[in-house]
Amino acid sequence: MLASLFLIGASFTTPQMSVQAASQTIVEDSADGMARAVNRMVGGIVSYARWPGGAAGSVRVMCLIGAPRLTDRMAPVVPGAGSVMVRRMSAEAAISRSDCDILFLGRMPVADRQQLIGWVRGRPVLTITDDDPACIYGAMFCLHSRAMKLSFSVNLDAIGRGPLRIDPRVLRIGGGGGGGAS
């Protein structure tokens, strides 16, 4: 059984790593194949984010809130230098902490999602969700899967509200599909 992912679309290369296009065909029809695809895509998105004063290759903390739809096995694979440590927690716990560099928002009550998105504004926190296919509820990146393809949308409005810098190449491949921005 083939356990790798095939990429659709162009690849872009930076001096530090290469990142795949925003759409991946999931060849292995299983939870393992989906988990690998999600972790590669999340890692690719993380590799294009720049935190203020952050050193390249540092360990980032991803606070996982709610129940992810696409995979329950989050372990992002960051191309090049750097890594992501995943911590599962409640919305209240994430807000009371100051070490969440990334929020991954799964299924959760709307009030919790709104509270988290409001808390993130103005902070250097990358937000990713797999529970907002239209990408309109305030996360910066929204993962979705259709017909064995994993892709993401970009919410330019959410990105523009904070000090986090996202390399424009990932914005182009993501399509700028959410938040009223194209």
N, C-alpha and C. Protein backbone atom coordinates (compact mmCIF):
# COMPACT_ATOMS: atom_id res chain seq x y z
N MET A 1 0.84 -1.18 0.00
CA MET A 1 0.00 0.00 0.00
C MET A 1 0.89 1.24 0.00
N LEU A 2 0.58 2.17 -0.82
CA LEU A 2 1.37 3.39 -0.92
C LEU A 2 1.04 4.31 0.24
N ALA A 3 2.05 4.71 0.99
CA ALA A 3 1.82 5.50 2.21
C ALA A 3 2.29 6.94 2.06
N SER A 4 2.64 7.36 0.88
CA SER A 4 3.11 8.74 0.73
C SER A 4 2.01 9.61 0.14
N LEU A 5 2.30 10.90 0.10
CA LEU A 5 1.34 11.86 -0.43
C LEU A 5 1.86 12.37 -1.77
N PHE A 6 0.98 12.54 -2.71
CA PHE A 6 1.34 13.18 -3.97
C PHE A 6 0.82 14.59 -3.92
N LEU A 7 1.59 15.49 -4.46
CA LEU A 7 1.24 16.90 -4.40
C LEU A 7 0.67 17.35 -5.72
N ILE A 8 -0.33 18.19 -5.65
CA ILE A 8 -0.95 18.77 -6.82
C ILE A 8 -0.56 20.24 -6.85
N GLY A 9 -0.19 20.74 -7.99
CA GLY A 9 0.13 22.17 -8.10
C GLY A 9 1.61 22.41 -7.97
N ALA A 10 1.96 23.66 -7.91
CA ALA A 10 3.36 24.08 -7.89
C ALA A 10 3.96 23.98 -6.51
N SER A 11 5.28 23.90 -6.46
CA SER A 11 6.03 23.98 -5.21
C SER A 11 6.82 25.26 -5.22
N PHE A 12 7.01 25.82 -4.06
CA PHE A 12 7.81 27.02 -3.92
C PHE A 12 8.96 26.69 -3.00
N THR A 13 10.13 27.24 -3.27
CA THR A 13 11.30 26.93 -2.47
C THR A 13 11.86 28.20 -1.85
N THR A 14 12.23 28.11 -0.59
CA THR A 14 12.93 29.18 0.08
C THR A 14 14.31 28.63 0.43
N PRO A 15 15.23 29.46 0.87
CA PRO A 15 16.55 28.95 1.23
C PRO A 15 16.49 27.90 2.34
N GLN A 16 15.48 27.92 3.18
CA GLN A 16 15.43 27.02 4.33
C GLN A 16 14.66 25.74 4.09
N MET A 17 13.68 25.74 3.22
CA MET A 17 12.86 24.56 3.04
C MET A 17 11.99 24.69 1.80
N SER A 18 11.37 23.62 1.41
CA SER A 18 10.39 23.71 0.34
C SER A 18 9.02 23.38 0.93
N VAL A 19 8.00 24.02 0.42
CA VAL A 19 6.65 23.81 0.91
C VAL A 19 5.77 23.43 -0.25
N GLN A 20 4.90 22.50 -0.01
CA GLN A 20 4.02 22.01 -1.04
C GLN A 20 2.86 22.96 -1.26
N ALA A 21 2.22 22.80 -2.39
CA ALA A 21 1.06 23.62 -2.71
C ALA A 21 -0.06 23.36 -1.73
N ALA A 22 -1.08 24.17 -1.83
CA ALA A 22 -2.15 24.15 -0.85
C ALA A 22 -3.11 22.99 -1.02
N SER A 23 -2.89 22.13 -1.96
CA SER A 23 -3.77 21.00 -2.16
C SER A 23 -2.94 19.73 -2.25
N GLN A 24 -3.32 18.73 -1.48
CA GLN A 24 -2.64 17.45 -1.51
C GLN A 24 -3.68 16.37 -1.74
N THR A 25 -3.36 15.44 -2.64
CA THR A 25 -4.21 14.28 -2.82
C THR A 25 -3.79 13.24 -1.80
N ILE A 26 -4.73 12.71 -1.09
CA ILE A 26 -4.45 11.71 -0.06
C ILE A 26 -4.55 10.36 -0.74
N VAL A 27 -3.39 9.72 -0.93
CA VAL A 27 -3.34 8.48 -1.68
C VAL A 27 -3.79 7.30 -0.82
N GLU A 28 -3.36 7.26 0.40
CA GLU A 28 -3.72 6.18 1.30
C GLU A 28 -5.05 6.52 1.95
N ASP A 29 -6.07 5.74 1.63
CA ASP A 29 -7.42 6.00 2.14
C ASP A 29 -7.55 5.44 3.55
N SER A 30 -7.02 6.20 4.52
CA SER A 30 -7.10 5.75 5.91
C SER A 30 -6.91 6.93 6.83
N ALA A 31 -7.13 6.68 8.11
CA ALA A 31 -6.89 7.72 9.10
C ALA A 31 -5.41 8.09 9.13
N ASP A 32 -4.52 7.11 8.91
CA ASP A 32 -3.09 7.40 8.88
C ASP A 32 -2.74 8.35 7.74
N GLY A 33 -3.30 8.11 6.57
CA GLY A 33 -3.04 8.98 5.42
C GLY A 33 -3.52 10.40 5.67
N MET A 34 -4.70 10.54 6.25
CA MET A 34 -5.23 11.87 6.56
C MET A 34 -4.38 12.55 7.62
N ALA A 35 -3.99 11.82 8.66
CA ALA A 35 -3.17 12.40 9.72
C ALA A 35 -1.86 12.91 9.15
N ARG A 36 -1.21 12.13 8.30
CA ARG A 36 0.05 12.57 7.69
C ARG A 36 -0.16 13.81 6.84
N ALA A 37 -1.23 13.84 6.06
CA ALA A 37 -1.51 14.99 5.19
C ALA A 37 -1.76 16.25 6.02
N VAL A 38 -2.56 16.13 7.06
CA VAL A 38 -2.86 17.28 7.92
C VAL A 38 -1.58 17.78 8.60
N ASN A 39 -0.80 16.88 9.13
CA ASN A 39 0.42 17.27 9.84
C ASN A 39 1.44 17.91 8.91
N ARG A 40 1.54 17.43 7.68
CA ARG A 40 2.44 18.07 6.70
C ARG A 40 1.93 19.46 6.33
N MET A 41 0.63 19.58 6.12
CA MET A 41 0.08 20.88 5.71
C MET A 41 0.20 21.89 6.85
N VAL A 42 -0.14 21.50 8.06
CA VAL A 42 -0.01 22.42 9.20
C VAL A 42 1.45 22.81 9.39
N GLY A 43 2.36 21.86 9.29
CA GLY A 43 3.78 22.17 9.40
C GLY A 43 4.25 23.12 8.31
N GLY A 44 3.75 22.95 7.10
CA GLY A 44 4.09 23.87 6.02
C GLY A 44 3.60 25.28 6.30
N ILE A 45 2.38 25.40 6.79
CA ILE A 45 1.84 26.72 7.14
C ILE A 45 2.69 27.35 8.24
N VAL A 46 3.02 26.59 9.27
CA VAL A 46 3.83 27.10 10.37
C VAL A 46 5.19 27.58 9.85
N SER A 47 5.76 26.87 8.89
CA SER A 47 7.09 27.25 8.39
C SER A 47 7.08 28.58 7.66
N TYR A 48 5.93 29.03 7.20
CA TYR A 48 5.82 30.31 6.51
C TYR A 48 5.47 31.47 7.45
N ALA A 49 5.26 31.17 8.73
CA ALA A 49 4.91 32.22 9.70
C ALA A 49 6.19 32.72 10.38
N ARG A 50 6.22 34.01 10.65
CA ARG A 50 7.35 34.62 11.36
C ARG A 50 6.81 35.37 12.58
N TRP A 51 7.30 34.98 13.75
CA TRP A 51 6.90 35.61 14.99
C TRP A 51 7.83 36.78 15.29
N PRO A 52 7.32 37.86 15.85
CA PRO A 52 8.19 38.99 16.20
C PRO A 52 9.28 38.55 17.18
N GLY A 53 10.52 38.86 16.85
CA GLY A 53 11.63 38.52 17.73
C GLY A 53 11.93 37.05 17.82
N GLY A 54 11.22 36.24 17.05
CA GLY A 54 11.42 34.79 17.13
C GLY A 54 12.57 34.34 16.26
N ALA A 55 13.32 33.42 16.76
CA ALA A 55 14.44 32.86 16.02
C ALA A 55 13.94 31.74 15.13
N ALA A 56 14.49 31.68 13.92
CA ALA A 56 14.15 30.58 13.03
C ALA A 56 14.59 29.28 13.68
N GLY A 57 13.79 28.26 13.51
CA GLY A 57 14.14 26.96 14.04
C GLY A 57 13.75 26.74 15.50
N SER A 58 13.04 27.65 16.09
CA SER A 58 12.66 27.48 17.49
C SER A 58 11.45 26.55 17.62
N VAL A 59 11.24 26.07 18.83
CA VAL A 59 10.11 25.20 19.11
C VAL A 59 8.88 26.07 19.34
N ARG A 60 7.81 25.81 18.64
CA ARG A 60 6.54 26.52 18.78
C ARG A 60 5.56 25.63 19.52
N VAL A 61 4.72 26.24 20.35
CA VAL A 61 3.71 25.50 21.11
C VAL A 61 2.37 25.67 20.42
N MET A 62 1.76 24.53 20.03
CA MET A 62 0.42 24.53 19.46
C MET A 62 -0.56 24.09 20.53
N CYS A 63 -1.50 24.97 20.85
CA CYS A 63 -2.55 24.64 21.79
C CYS A 63 -3.74 24.13 20.98
N LEU A 64 -4.07 22.88 21.19
CA LEU A 64 -5.15 22.21 20.46
C LEU A 64 -6.41 22.31 21.31
N ILE A 65 -7.42 22.98 20.76
CA ILE A 65 -8.65 23.22 21.50
C ILE A 65 -9.82 22.64 20.72
N GLY A 66 -10.68 21.95 21.42
CA GLY A 66 -11.82 21.33 20.75
C GLY A 66 -11.44 19.98 20.17
N ALA A 67 -12.32 19.45 19.34
CA ALA A 67 -12.12 18.14 18.72
C ALA A 67 -11.86 18.32 17.23
N PRO A 68 -10.63 18.09 16.78
CA PRO A 68 -10.33 18.23 15.35
C PRO A 68 -11.21 17.30 14.52
N ARG A 69 -11.61 17.76 13.36
CA ARG A 69 -12.44 16.95 12.46
C ARG A 69 -11.61 16.03 11.58
N LEU A 70 -10.44 16.48 11.14
CA LEU A 70 -9.68 15.73 10.15
C LEU A 70 -8.78 14.66 10.74
N THR A 71 -8.19 14.92 11.88
CA THR A 71 -7.37 13.91 12.55
C THR A 71 -7.28 14.25 14.03
N ASP A 72 -7.19 13.23 14.83
CA ASP A 72 -7.02 13.42 16.26
C ASP A 72 -5.55 13.27 16.65
N ARG A 73 -4.71 12.97 15.66
CA ARG A 73 -3.29 12.75 15.91
C ARG A 73 -2.47 13.91 15.35
N MET A 74 -2.46 15.00 16.08
CA MET A 74 -1.74 16.19 15.63
C MET A 74 -0.27 16.10 16.04
N ALA A 75 0.60 16.17 15.04
CA ALA A 75 2.05 16.20 15.24
C ALA A 75 2.64 16.86 14.00
N PRO A 76 2.48 18.19 13.87
CA PRO A 76 2.92 18.88 12.66
C PRO A 76 4.39 18.64 12.32
N VAL A 77 4.62 18.45 11.04
CA VAL A 77 5.96 18.23 10.51
C VAL A 77 6.40 19.53 9.84
N VAL A 78 7.34 20.25 10.47
CA VAL A 78 7.80 21.53 9.96
C VAL A 78 9.01 21.29 9.07
N PRO A 79 8.92 21.67 7.77
CA PRO A 79 10.07 21.50 6.89
C PRO A 79 11.24 22.37 7.37
N GLY A 80 12.45 21.88 7.22
CA GLY A 80 13.62 22.65 7.63
C GLY A 80 13.77 22.63 9.13
N ALA A 81 14.25 23.72 9.68
CA ALA A 81 14.49 23.81 11.11
C ALA A 81 13.21 24.19 11.85
N GLY A 82 13.11 23.76 13.08
CA GLY A 82 11.96 24.11 13.90
C GLY A 82 11.09 22.90 14.18
N SER A 83 10.27 23.01 15.21
CA SER A 83 9.35 21.94 15.56
C SER A 83 8.15 22.52 16.29
N VAL A 84 7.13 21.69 16.43
CA VAL A 84 5.90 22.10 17.10
C VAL A 84 5.58 21.09 18.19
N MET A 85 5.36 21.60 19.40
CA MET A 85 4.93 20.78 20.52
C MET A 85 3.42 21.01 20.68
N VAL A 86 2.66 19.93 20.73
CA VAL A 86 1.20 20.02 20.81
C VAL A 86 0.73 19.78 22.23
N ARG A 87 -0.14 20.68 22.71
CA ARG A 87 -0.77 20.55 24.02
C ARG A 87 -2.28 20.67 23.85
N ARG A 88 -3.00 19.68 24.32
CA ARG A 88 -4.47 19.74 24.29
C ARG A 88 -4.95 20.48 25.52
N MET A 89 -5.93 21.37 25.32
CA MET A 89 -6.45 22.12 26.45
C MET A 89 -7.81 22.72 26.13
N SER A 90 -8.43 23.26 27.14
CA SER A 90 -9.72 23.94 26.98
C SER A 90 -9.47 25.37 26.51
N ALA A 91 -10.52 26.01 26.05
CA ALA A 91 -10.44 27.41 25.63
C ALA A 91 -10.00 28.29 26.80
N GLU A 92 -10.56 28.05 27.98
CA GLU A 92 -10.21 28.84 29.16
C GLU A 92 -8.73 28.70 29.51
N ALA A 93 -8.21 27.48 29.41
CA ALA A 93 -6.80 27.24 29.72
C ALA A 93 -5.90 27.94 28.72
N ALA A 94 -6.26 27.93 27.45
CA ALA A 94 -5.44 28.59 26.43
C ALA A 94 -5.38 30.09 26.67
N ILE A 95 -6.49 30.69 27.02
CA ILE A 95 -6.54 32.13 27.25
C ILE A 95 -5.73 32.52 28.48
N SER A 96 -5.67 31.65 29.47
CA SER A 96 -4.92 31.98 30.68
C SER A 96 -3.41 31.76 30.53
N ARG A 97 -2.99 31.15 29.43
CA ARG A 97 -1.56 30.89 29.19
C ARG A 97 -0.98 31.98 28.30
N SER A 98 0.31 32.09 28.32
CA SER A 98 0.95 33.04 27.42
C SER A 98 1.92 32.35 26.46
N ASP A 99 1.95 31.01 26.47
CA ASP A 99 2.92 30.32 25.63
C ASP A 99 2.33 29.64 24.40
N CYS A 100 1.09 29.93 24.05
CA CYS A 100 0.49 29.35 22.85
C CYS A 100 0.91 30.20 21.64
N ASP A 101 1.78 29.63 20.80
CA ASP A 101 2.19 30.29 19.57
C ASP A 101 1.19 30.02 18.45
N ILE A 102 0.52 28.89 18.54
CA ILE A 102 -0.42 28.43 17.51
C ILE A 102 -1.66 27.93 18.23
N LEU A 103 -2.83 28.33 17.74
CA LEU A 103 -4.08 27.74 18.22
C LEU A 103 -4.64 26.90 17.09
N PHE A 104 -4.89 25.63 17.35
CA PHE A 104 -5.59 24.78 16.39
C PHE A 104 -6.99 24.58 16.95
N LEU A 105 -7.99 25.08 16.24
CA LEU A 105 -9.36 25.06 16.71
C LEU A 105 -10.15 23.96 16.01
N GLY A 106 -10.56 22.97 16.77
CA GLY A 106 -11.43 21.93 16.26
C GLY A 106 -12.88 22.30 16.52
N ARG A 107 -13.75 21.28 16.58
CA ARG A 107 -15.16 21.53 16.91
C ARG A 107 -15.25 21.99 18.35
N MET A 108 -16.03 23.05 18.54
CA MET A 108 -16.19 23.62 19.88
C MET A 108 -17.42 24.50 19.88
N PRO A 109 -17.90 24.88 21.05
CA PRO A 109 -19.03 25.81 21.11
C PRO A 109 -18.65 27.15 20.45
N VAL A 110 -19.61 27.76 19.79
CA VAL A 110 -19.40 29.03 19.10
C VAL A 110 -18.87 30.09 20.06
N ALA A 111 -19.39 30.14 21.27
CA ALA A 111 -18.94 31.14 22.24
C ALA A 111 -17.45 30.98 22.56
N ASP A 112 -16.98 29.74 22.68
CA ASP A 112 -15.56 29.50 22.94
C ASP A 112 -14.72 29.97 21.76
N ARG A 113 -15.16 29.66 20.54
CA ARG A 113 -14.43 30.07 19.33
C ARG A 113 -14.34 31.60 19.27
N GLN A 114 -15.45 32.27 19.50
CA GLN A 114 -15.46 33.74 19.46
C GLN A 114 -14.53 34.33 20.53
N GLN A 115 -14.54 33.74 21.71
CA GLN A 115 -13.68 34.22 22.79
C GLN A 115 -12.21 34.04 22.41
N LEU A 116 -11.85 32.90 21.85
CA LEU A 116 -10.46 32.65 21.46
C LEU A 116 -10.01 33.58 20.33
N ILE A 117 -10.85 33.77 19.33
CA ILE A 117 -10.49 34.65 18.21
C ILE A 117 -10.34 36.09 18.71
N GLY A 118 -11.20 36.51 19.61
CA GLY A 118 -11.08 37.85 20.19
C GLY A 118 -9.80 38.00 21.01
N TRP A 119 -9.43 36.96 21.75
CA TRP A 119 -8.22 36.98 22.57
C TRP A 119 -6.97 37.07 21.71
N VAL A 120 -6.98 36.42 20.55
CA VAL A 120 -5.81 36.37 19.67
C VAL A 120 -5.52 37.71 19.00
N ARG A 121 -6.54 38.50 18.73
CA ARG A 121 -6.33 39.77 18.01
C ARG A 121 -5.24 40.60 18.66
N GLY A 122 -4.28 41.02 17.83
CA GLY A 122 -3.17 41.83 18.31
C GLY A 122 -2.03 41.04 18.92
N ARG A 123 -2.19 39.72 19.03
CA ARG A 123 -1.14 38.87 19.61
C ARG A 123 -0.46 38.08 18.49
N PRO A 124 0.80 37.70 18.68
CA PRO A 124 1.49 36.90 17.66
C PRO A 124 1.13 35.42 17.79
N VAL A 125 -0.11 35.08 17.47
CA VAL A 125 -0.60 33.71 17.57
C VAL A 125 -1.19 33.31 16.21
N LEU A 126 -0.69 32.23 15.67
CA LEU A 126 -1.18 31.67 14.40
C LEU A 126 -2.42 30.86 14.70
N THR A 127 -3.51 31.09 13.96
CA THR A 127 -4.75 30.34 14.18
C THR A 127 -5.07 29.49 12.95
N ILE A 128 -5.36 28.22 13.23
CA ILE A 128 -5.69 27.25 12.19
C ILE A 128 -6.91 26.48 12.67
N THR A 129 -7.82 26.18 11.76
CA THR A 129 -9.00 25.39 12.12
C THR A 129 -9.30 24.37 11.04
N ASP A 130 -9.99 23.31 11.42
CA ASP A 130 -10.53 22.37 10.43
C ASP A 130 -12.05 22.28 10.60
N ASP A 131 -12.62 23.31 11.22
CA ASP A 131 -14.06 23.33 11.49
C ASP A 131 -14.71 24.60 10.94
N ASP A 132 -14.22 25.10 9.82
CA ASP A 132 -14.77 26.31 9.20
C ASP A 132 -14.46 26.29 7.70
N PRO A 133 -15.17 25.47 6.93
CA PRO A 133 -14.85 25.33 5.50
C PRO A 133 -14.91 26.65 4.73
N ALA A 134 -15.74 27.58 5.12
CA ALA A 134 -15.85 28.86 4.43
C ALA A 134 -14.80 29.86 4.92
N CYS A 135 -14.13 29.54 6.00
CA CYS A 135 -13.07 30.38 6.59
C CYS A 135 -13.58 31.78 6.90
N ILE A 136 -14.71 31.85 7.62
CA ILE A 136 -15.31 33.15 7.92
C ILE A 136 -15.39 33.46 9.42
N TYR A 137 -14.97 32.53 10.27
CA TYR A 137 -15.15 32.73 11.71
C TYR A 137 -13.92 33.26 12.43
N GLY A 138 -12.90 33.70 11.70
CA GLY A 138 -11.80 34.41 12.33
C GLY A 138 -10.46 33.72 12.40
N ALA A 139 -10.36 32.45 12.04
CA ALA A 139 -9.04 31.80 12.01
C ALA A 139 -8.28 32.28 10.77
N MET A 140 -6.96 32.25 10.85
CA MET A 140 -6.13 32.69 9.73
C MET A 140 -6.11 31.68 8.59
N PHE A 141 -6.06 30.40 8.94
CA PHE A 141 -6.01 29.32 7.95
C PHE A 141 -7.08 28.30 8.28
N CYS A 142 -7.76 27.82 7.24
CA CYS A 142 -8.85 26.88 7.42
C CYS A 142 -8.61 25.66 6.53
N LEU A 143 -8.42 24.50 7.16
CA LEU A 143 -8.20 23.25 6.42
C LEU A 143 -9.54 22.64 6.06
N HIS A 144 -9.59 22.02 4.89
CA HIS A 144 -10.79 21.29 4.51
C HIS A 144 -10.41 20.15 3.59
N SER A 145 -11.22 19.12 3.61
CA SER A 145 -10.98 17.92 2.82
C SER A 145 -12.22 17.62 2.00
N ARG A 146 -11.99 17.44 0.71
CA ARG A 146 -13.08 17.06 -0.21
C ARG A 146 -12.52 16.07 -1.22
N ALA A 147 -13.22 15.01 -1.44
CA ALA A 147 -12.87 14.03 -2.46
C ALA A 147 -11.40 13.63 -2.38
N MET A 148 -10.97 13.25 -1.18
CA MET A 148 -9.60 12.79 -0.94
C MET A 148 -8.54 13.84 -1.26
N LYS A 149 -8.90 15.11 -1.16
CA LYS A 149 -7.93 16.20 -1.31
C LYS A 149 -8.00 17.07 -0.09
N LEU A 150 -6.84 17.38 0.45
CA LEU A 150 -6.74 18.27 1.59
C LEU A 150 -6.27 19.61 1.07
N SER A 151 -6.94 20.68 1.46
CA SER A 151 -6.54 22.01 1.03
C SER A 151 -6.80 22.99 2.16
N PHE A 152 -6.41 24.25 1.94
CA PHE A 152 -6.67 25.25 2.96
C PHE A 152 -7.07 26.56 2.30
N SER A 153 -7.77 27.35 3.08
CA SER A 153 -8.15 28.71 2.69
C SER A 153 -7.44 29.66 3.64
N VAL A 154 -7.31 30.89 3.17
CA VAL A 154 -6.61 31.92 3.93
C VAL A 154 -7.57 33.06 4.23
N ASN A 155 -7.58 33.51 5.48
CA ASN A 155 -8.41 34.65 5.89
C ASN A 155 -7.47 35.85 6.06
N LEU A 156 -7.37 36.67 5.02
CA LEU A 156 -6.45 37.81 5.03
C LEU A 156 -6.79 38.82 6.11
N ASP A 157 -8.06 38.99 6.38
CA ASP A 157 -8.48 39.92 7.42
C ASP A 157 -7.93 39.50 8.78
N ALA A 158 -8.03 38.21 9.09
CA ALA A 158 -7.52 37.71 10.37
C ALA A 158 -6.00 37.86 10.44
N ILE A 159 -5.31 37.59 9.36
CA ILE A 159 -3.85 37.74 9.34
C ILE A 159 -3.45 39.19 9.56
N GLY A 160 -4.18 40.10 8.94
CA GLY A 160 -3.86 41.52 9.04
C GLY A 160 -4.09 42.14 10.41
N ARG A 161 -4.79 41.45 11.30
CA ARG A 161 -5.11 42.00 12.62
C ARG A 161 -4.03 41.81 13.67
N GLY A 162 -2.96 41.12 13.32
CA GLY A 162 -1.95 40.85 14.35
C GLY A 162 -0.54 41.08 13.87
N PRO A 163 0.41 40.94 14.79
CA PRO A 163 1.81 41.20 14.47
C PRO A 163 2.54 40.03 13.79
N LEU A 164 1.88 38.89 13.66
CA LEU A 164 2.49 37.74 13.01
C LEU A 164 2.67 38.05 11.53
N ARG A 165 3.78 37.66 10.95
CA ARG A 165 4.03 37.87 9.53
C ARG A 165 3.96 36.54 8.80
N ILE A 166 3.20 36.52 7.73
CA ILE A 166 3.04 35.31 6.92
C ILE A 166 3.67 35.59 5.55
N ASP A 167 4.56 34.71 5.12
CA ASP A 167 5.19 34.86 3.81
C ASP A 167 4.10 34.91 2.74
N PRO A 168 4.15 35.89 1.83
CA PRO A 168 3.09 36.04 0.82
C PRO A 168 2.93 34.85 -0.10
N ARG A 169 3.95 34.02 -0.24
CA ARG A 169 3.81 32.86 -1.13
C ARG A 169 2.77 31.88 -0.63
N VAL A 170 2.65 31.71 0.68
CA VAL A 170 1.63 30.81 1.20
C VAL A 170 0.25 31.43 1.03
N LEU A 171 0.17 32.74 1.05
CA LEU A 171 -1.11 33.41 0.84
C LEU A 171 -1.59 33.17 -0.59
N ARG A 172 -0.67 33.21 -1.54
CA ARG A 172 -1.05 32.98 -2.94
C ARG A 172 -1.52 31.55 -3.17
N ILE A 173 -0.80 30.57 -2.61
CA ILE A 173 -1.21 29.19 -2.86
C ILE A 173 -2.46 28.81 -2.10
N GLY A 174 -2.73 29.53 -0.99
CA GLY A 174 -3.94 29.27 -0.23
C GLY A 174 -5.17 29.89 -0.84
N GLY A 175 -5.00 30.85 -1.71
CA GLY A 175 -6.13 31.42 -2.43
C GLY A 175 -6.81 32.58 -1.76
N GLY A 176 -6.48 32.91 -0.52
CA GLY A 176 -7.13 34.04 0.14
C GLY A 176 -8.62 33.91 0.16
N GLY A 177 -9.13 32.70 0.46
CA GLY A 177 -10.53 32.42 0.29
C GLY A 177 -11.47 32.89 1.37
N GLY A 178 -11.00 33.24 2.55
CA GLY A 178 -11.95 33.52 3.63
C GLY A 178 -11.98 34.96 4.04
N GLY A 179 -12.87 35.25 4.94
CA GLY A 179 -12.97 36.54 5.58
C GLY A 179 -13.24 37.70 4.66
N GLY A 180 -13.85 37.41 3.52
CA GLY A 180 -14.19 38.47 2.59
C GLY A 180 -13.02 38.97 1.79
N ALA A 181 -11.87 38.36 1.93
CA ALA A 181 -10.69 38.77 1.17
C ALA A 181 -10.43 37.78 0.06
N SER A 182 -10.08 38.28 -1.09
CA SER A 182 -9.75 37.39 -2.20
C SER A 182 -8.39 37.71 -2.73
